[in-house]
Protein backbone atom coordinates (compact mmCIF):
# COMPACT_ATOMS: atom_id res chain seq x y z
CA MET A 1 0.04 -0.02 -0.01
CA PRO A 2 2.79 2.52 0.68
CA HIS A 3 3.87 2.14 -2.96
CA VAL A 4 0.35 3.13 -4.17
CA GLN A 5 0.31 6.13 -1.83
CA GLU A 6 3.82 7.20 -2.96
CA ASN A 7 2.69 7.07 -6.62
CA SER A 8 -0.45 9.11 -5.81
CA VAL A 9 1.73 11.71 -4.26
CA ARG A 10 3.90 11.89 -7.26
CA ILE A 11 1.03 12.19 -9.61
CA ILE A 12 -0.57 15.04 -7.52
CA HIS A 13 2.88 16.78 -7.27
CA HIS A 14 3.38 16.46 -11.03
CA LYS A 15 -0.01 17.94 -11.78
CA GLY A 16 0.67 20.76 -9.36
CA VAL A 17 4.06 21.55 -10.95
CA HIS A 18 2.52 21.37 -14.41
CA SER A 19 -0.08 23.89 -13.35
CA VAL A 20 2.48 26.23 -12.00
CA ILE A 21 4.46 25.96 -15.29
CA THR A 22 1.35 26.55 -17.33
CA GLN A 23 0.53 29.66 -15.26
CA PHE A 24 4.12 30.89 -15.56
CA ALA A 25 4.02 30.38 -19.35
CA ALA A 26 0.77 32.36 -19.66
CA ILE A 27 1.97 35.25 -17.47
CA HIS A 28 5.25 35.56 -19.46
CA GLN A 29 3.68 34.82 -22.84
CA LEU A 30 5.92 31.88 -23.59
CA THR A 31 5.56 29.93 -26.80
CA ASN A 32 4.49 26.28 -26.74
CA ARG A 33 8.10 25.23 -27.24
CA GLU A 34 9.35 27.53 -24.52
CA SER A 35 6.71 26.25 -22.18
CA GLU A 36 7.73 22.70 -23.01
CA ILE A 37 11.39 23.40 -22.31
CA ILE A 38 10.92 25.20 -19.04
CA GLY A 39 8.62 22.27 -18.00
CA LEU A 40 11.38 19.72 -18.84
CA ILE A 41 13.74 21.69 -16.75
CA ALA A 42 11.55 22.36 -13.78
CA MET A 43 9.78 19.02 -13.60
CA ASN A 44 12.51 16.61 -14.81
CA GLY A 45 15.75 18.52 -14.27
CA TYR A 46 16.73 17.86 -17.92
CA SER A 47 20.04 19.19 -19.19
CA ASN A 48 20.25 21.05 -22.45
CA LYS A 49 21.36 17.90 -24.21
CA GLU A 50 18.48 15.89 -22.72
CA ILE A 51 16.06 18.59 -23.84
CA ALA A 52 17.52 18.63 -27.30
CA ASP A 53 17.23 14.86 -27.58
CA HIS A 54 13.69 14.89 -26.23
CA CYS A 55 12.56 17.63 -28.55
CA ASN A 56 14.61 16.62 -31.58
CA ILE A 57 16.34 19.97 -31.86
CA SER A 58 19.96 21.10 -31.43
CA GLU A 59 21.52 22.13 -28.04
CA LYS A 60 22.18 25.54 -29.55
CA THR A 61 18.37 25.89 -30.26
CA VAL A 62 17.62 24.89 -26.66
CA LYS A 63 19.96 27.59 -25.43
CA VAL A 64 18.14 30.16 -27.69
CA HIS A 65 14.78 29.13 -26.27
CA ILE A 66 16.20 29.30 -22.68
CA ASP A 67 17.61 32.78 -23.42
CA LYS A 68 14.19 33.92 -24.73
CA ILE A 69 12.48 32.54 -21.70
CA MET A 70 14.89 34.41 -19.39
CA VAL A 71 14.36 37.65 -21.29
CA LYS A 72 10.52 37.24 -21.04
CA ALA A 73 10.82 36.48 -17.29
CA GLY A 74 13.29 39.35 -16.72
CA THR A 75 16.14 37.24 -15.34
CA ARG A 76 19.56 36.23 -16.42
CA SER A 77 20.19 32.99 -14.47
CA MET A 78 18.49 29.64 -14.25
CA ARG A 79 18.35 29.79 -10.51
CA LYS A 80 16.52 33.14 -10.55
CA LEU A 81 14.28 31.78 -13.26
CA LEU A 82 13.32 28.78 -11.20
CA ALA A 83 12.87 31.00 -8.10
CA THR A 84 10.53 33.26 -10.20
CA ILE A 85 8.46 30.16 -11.19
CA ILE A 86 8.19 29.12 -7.48
CA CYS A 87 7.28 32.61 -6.31
CA ASN A 88 4.54 32.85 -8.96
CA SER A 89 3.05 29.63 -7.57
CA VAL A 90 2.68 30.98 -4.01
């Protein structure tokens, strides 16, 4: 039974994080691809290479998307970007 409960918590947590990412994307007018990328970073901790592989794009394109996300969010570091996402959820 603890395994089932643990999975339920993960699903609820995942849905909550997804909701926060969706809200952040709407506030900052992110494109669908930018939303997907920030979700992969925030929910899965993906590296640029993992994102590139997942999305079938180059790492350079991933970096361009991340730069655009940071400009839209008004930050210049990934830590501040993630902090902004968290602060928007509270």
